[in-house]
Amino acid sequence: RKSFNIFVILCMPFFVFVSCGTKQLPDGVLDESTMVDLLYDVYVVEGYFSDQTDFKPFLMAEEVVESYSDIMDKYQINDSVFEASFRYYMEDYVRFDSINAKVMDKLNDNMARL
């Protein structure tokens, strides 16, 4: 019984640390894996338009907006959810850097398959 109490006392900081480290996402914020997938799609669209030799932002604005709208439809969200999610993850540089690294890995994997 005494050894069990000692075990519980020694493990308590670990459980407190783990439970504090897993924050609940605010309402209207995408989970991290969905954010990775969404940003991947956004980067692909941005890459497509920036790679156009005759890219004229003002003339192609409608196409760009339509492409972003298609992405939002794919994830069944609106731009305010994207914006809230982007801001949420940007507030934690380490986490956002990790998300960006996953997006870049995904882009690089896709390029390697081409």
C-alpha atoms as a PDB file:
ATOM      1  CA  ARG A   1       0.000   0.000   0.000  1.00  0.00           C
ATOM      2  CA  LYS A   2       2.795   2.389   0.916  1.00  0.00           C
ATOM      3  CA  SER A   3       4.687   1.652  -2.315  1.00  0.00           C
ATOM      4  CA  PHE A   4       1.508   2.350  -4.301  1.00  0.00           C
ATOM      5  CA  ASN A   5       1.147   5.759  -2.632  1.00  0.00           C
ATOM      6  CA  ILE A   6       4.767   6.580  -3.414  1.00  0.00           C
ATOM      7  CA  PHE A   7       4.216   5.503  -7.015  1.00  0.00           C
ATOM      8  CA  VAL A   8       1.144   7.768  -7.300  1.00  0.00           C
ATOM      9  CA  ILE A   9       3.014  10.714  -5.792  1.00  0.00           C
ATOM     10  CA  LEU A  10       5.955  10.225  -8.155  1.00  0.00           C
ATOM     11  CA  CYS A  11       3.726   9.902 -11.225  1.00  0.00           C
ATOM     12  CA  MET A  12       1.491  12.872 -10.391  1.00  0.00           C
ATOM     13  CA  PRO A  13       3.750  15.514 -12.028  1.00  0.00           C
ATOM     14  CA  PHE A  14       3.879  13.426 -15.200  1.00  0.00           C
ATOM     15  CA  PHE A  15       0.077  13.244 -15.474  1.00  0.00           C
ATOM     16  CA  VAL A  16      -0.290  16.950 -14.742  1.00  0.00           C
ATOM     17  CA  PHE A  17       2.289  17.741 -17.420  1.00  0.00           C
ATOM     18  CA  VAL A  18       0.633  15.505 -20.018  1.00  0.00           C
ATOM     19  CA  SER A  19      -2.864  16.798 -19.328  1.00  0.00           C
ATOM     20  CA  CYS A  20      -1.707  20.426 -19.525  1.00  0.00           C
ATOM     21  CA  GLY A  21       0.098  19.764 -22.779  1.00  0.00           C
ATOM     22  CA  THR A  22      -3.024  18.674 -24.626  1.00  0.00           C
ATOM     23  CA  LYS A  23      -5.064  21.815 -25.073  1.00  0.00           C
ATOM     24  CA  GLN A  24      -8.593  21.644 -26.353  1.00  0.00           C
ATOM     25  CA  LEU A  25      -8.962  23.466 -29.656  1.00  0.00           C
ATOM     26  CA  PRO A  26     -11.202  26.518 -29.599  1.00  0.00           C
ATOM     27  CA  ASP A  27     -14.468  26.317 -31.515  1.00  0.00           C
ATOM     28  CA  GLY A  28     -13.993  27.060 -35.199  1.00  0.00           C
ATOM     29  CA  VAL A  29     -10.335  25.955 -35.302  1.00  0.00           C
ATOM     30  CA  LEU A  30      -9.281  23.055 -37.518  1.00  0.00           C
ATOM     31  CA  ASP A  31      -7.291  20.195 -36.049  1.00  0.00           C
ATOM     32  CA  GLU A  32      -3.615  20.069 -36.926  1.00  0.00           C
ATOM     33  CA  SER A  33      -3.772  17.280 -39.517  1.00  0.00           C
ATOM     34  CA  THR A  34      -6.614  18.992 -41.386  1.00  0.00           C
ATOM     35  CA  MET A  35      -4.635  22.232 -41.302  1.00  0.00           C
ATOM     36  CA  VAL A  36      -1.648  20.435 -42.846  1.00  0.00           C
ATOM     37  CA  ASP A  37      -3.827  19.047 -45.645  1.00  0.00           C
ATOM     38  CA  LEU A  38      -5.535  22.383 -46.254  1.00  0.00           C
ATOM     39  CA  LEU A  39      -2.266  24.335 -46.363  1.00  0.00           C
ATOM     40  CA  TYR A  40      -0.873  21.748 -48.753  1.00  0.00           C
ATOM     41  CA  ASP A  41      -3.763  22.454 -51.126  1.00  0.00           C
ATOM     42  CA  VAL A  42      -3.307  26.217 -50.718  1.00  0.00           C
ATOM     43  CA  TYR A  43       0.429  25.953 -51.483  1.00  0.00           C
ATOM     44  CA  VAL A  44      -0.281  23.833 -54.568  1.00  0.00           C
ATOM     45  CA  VAL A  45      -2.699  26.475 -55.866  1.00  0.00           C
ATOM     46  CA  GLU A  46      -0.254  29.275 -55.084  1.00  0.00           C
ATOM     47  CA  GLY A  47       2.517  27.352 -56.804  1.00  0.00           C
ATOM     48  CA  TYR A  48       0.363  26.796 -59.863  1.00  0.00           C
ATOM     49  CA  PHE A  49      -0.493  30.458 -60.256  1.00  0.00           C
ATOM     50  CA  SER A  50       2.981  31.735 -59.441  1.00  0.00           C
ATOM     51  CA  ASP A  51       4.442  29.355 -62.038  1.00  0.00           C
ATOM     52  CA  GLN A  52       2.341  30.795 -64.857  1.00  0.00           C
ATOM     53  CA  THR A  53       4.669  32.704 -67.184  1.00  0.00           C
ATOM     54  CA  ASP A  54       1.947  35.193 -68.010  1.00  0.00           C
ATOM     55  CA  PHE A  55       0.543  35.432 -64.480  1.00  0.00           C
ATOM     56  CA  LYS A  56      -1.191  38.751 -64.050  1.00  0.00           C
ATOM     57  CA  PRO A  57      -2.705  38.907 -60.553  1.00  0.00           C
ATOM     58  CA  PHE A  58      -5.340  41.490 -61.404  1.00  0.00           C
ATOM     59  CA  LEU A  59      -6.500  39.664 -64.519  1.00  0.00           C
ATOM     60  CA  MET A  60      -6.546  36.241 -62.853  1.00  0.00           C
ATOM     61  CA  ALA A  61      -7.990  37.342 -59.522  1.00  0.00           C
ATOM     62  CA  GLU A  62     -11.297  35.616 -60.216  1.00  0.00           C
ATOM     63  CA  GLU A  63      -9.538  32.315 -60.951  1.00  0.00           C
ATOM     64  CA  VAL A  64      -7.443  32.598 -57.797  1.00  0.00           C
ATOM     65  CA  VAL A  65     -10.494  33.359 -55.640  1.00  0.00           C
ATOM     66  CA  GLU A  66     -12.381  30.474 -57.250  1.00  0.00           C
ATOM     67  CA  SER A  67      -9.493  28.104 -56.504  1.00  0.00           C
ATOM     68  CA  TYR A  68      -9.422  29.138 -52.847  1.00  0.00           C
ATOM     69  CA  SER A  69     -13.198  28.788 -52.707  1.00  0.00           C
ATOM     70  CA  ASP A  70     -12.875  25.251 -54.067  1.00  0.00           C
ATOM     71  CA  ILE A  71     -10.403  24.429 -51.295  1.00  0.00           C
ATOM     72  CA  MET A  72     -12.752  25.796 -48.635  1.00  0.00           C
ATOM     73  CA  ASP A  73     -15.578  23.727 -50.141  1.00  0.00           C
ATOM     74  CA  LYS A  74     -13.388  20.615 -50.116  1.00  0.00           C
ATOM     75  CA  TYR A  75     -12.901  20.964 -46.351  1.00  0.00           C
ATOM     76  CA  GLN A  76     -16.471  22.172 -45.818  1.00  0.00           C
ATOM     77  CA  ILE A  77     -15.370  25.376 -44.113  1.00  0.00           C
ATOM     78  CA  ASN A  78     -15.624  29.088 -44.768  1.00  0.00           C
ATOM     79  CA  ASP A  79     -12.839  31.638 -44.885  1.00  0.00           C
ATOM     80  CA  SER A  80     -13.434  32.717 -41.278  1.00  0.00           C
ATOM     81  CA  VAL A  81     -12.658  29.170 -40.044  1.00  0.00           C
ATOM     82  CA  PHE A  82      -9.482  29.135 -42.142  1.00  0.00           C
ATOM     83  CA  GLU A  83      -8.476  32.557 -40.836  1.00  0.00           C
ATOM     84  CA  ALA A  84      -9.198  31.611 -37.199  1.00  0.00           C
ATOM     85  CA  SER A  85      -7.228  28.382 -37.587  1.00  0.00           C
ATOM     86  CA  PHE A  86      -4.317  30.130 -39.261  1.00  0.00           C
ATOM     87  CA  ARG A  87      -4.168  32.756 -36.508  1.00  0.00           C
ATOM     88  CA  TYR A  88      -4.443  30.116 -33.787  1.00  0.00           C
ATOM     89  CA  TYR A  89      -1.495  28.113 -35.094  1.00  0.00           C
ATOM     90  CA  MET A  90       0.562  31.230 -35.887  1.00  0.00           C
ATOM     91  CA  GLU A  91       0.435  32.188 -32.199  1.00  0.00           C
ATOM     92  CA  ASP A  92       2.572  29.138 -31.402  1.00  0.00           C
ATOM     93  CA  TYR A  93       5.654  29.467 -33.604  1.00  0.00           C
ATOM     94  CA  VAL A  94       7.013  26.009 -32.800  1.00  0.00           C
ATOM     95  CA  ARG A  95       3.721  24.342 -33.618  1.00  0.00           C
ATOM     96  CA  PHE A  96       3.239  26.376 -36.795  1.00  0.00           C
ATOM     97  CA  ASP A  97       6.786  25.547 -37.866  1.00  0.00           C
ATOM     98  CA  SER A  98       5.998  21.862 -37.331  1.00  0.00           C
ATOM     99  CA  ILE A  99       2.837  22.171 -39.438  1.00  0.00           C
ATOM    100  CA  ASN A 100       4.757  23.959 -42.170  1.00  0.00           C
ATOM    101  CA  ALA A 101       7.448  21.262 -42.123  1.00  0.00           C
ATOM    102  CA  LYS A 102       4.769  18.587 -42.605  1.00  0.00           C
ATOM    103  CA  VAL A 103       3.294  20.547 -45.512  1.00  0.00           C
ATOM    104  CA  MET A 104       6.734  20.900 -47.097  1.00  0.00           C
ATOM    105  CA  ASP A 105       7.398  17.163 -46.646  1.00  0.00           C
ATOM    106  CA  LYS A 106       4.108  16.439 -48.374  1.00  0.00           C
ATOM    107  CA  LEU A 107       4.958  18.827 -51.221  1.00  0.00           C
ATOM    108  CA  ASN A 108       8.413  17.281 -51.601  1.00  0.00           C
ATOM    109  CA  ASP A 109       6.951  13.755 -51.630  1.00  0.00           C
ATOM    110  CA  ASN A 110       4.533  14.825 -54.329  1.00  0.00           C
ATOM    111  CA  MET A 111       7.333  16.380 -56.393  1.00  0.00           C
ATOM    112  CA  ALA A 112       9.442  13.234 -56.061  1.00  0.00           C
ATOM    113  CA  ARG A 113       6.611  11.171 -57.538  1.00  0.00           C
ATOM    114  CA  LEU A 114       6.363  13.377 -60.637  1.00  0.00           C
END
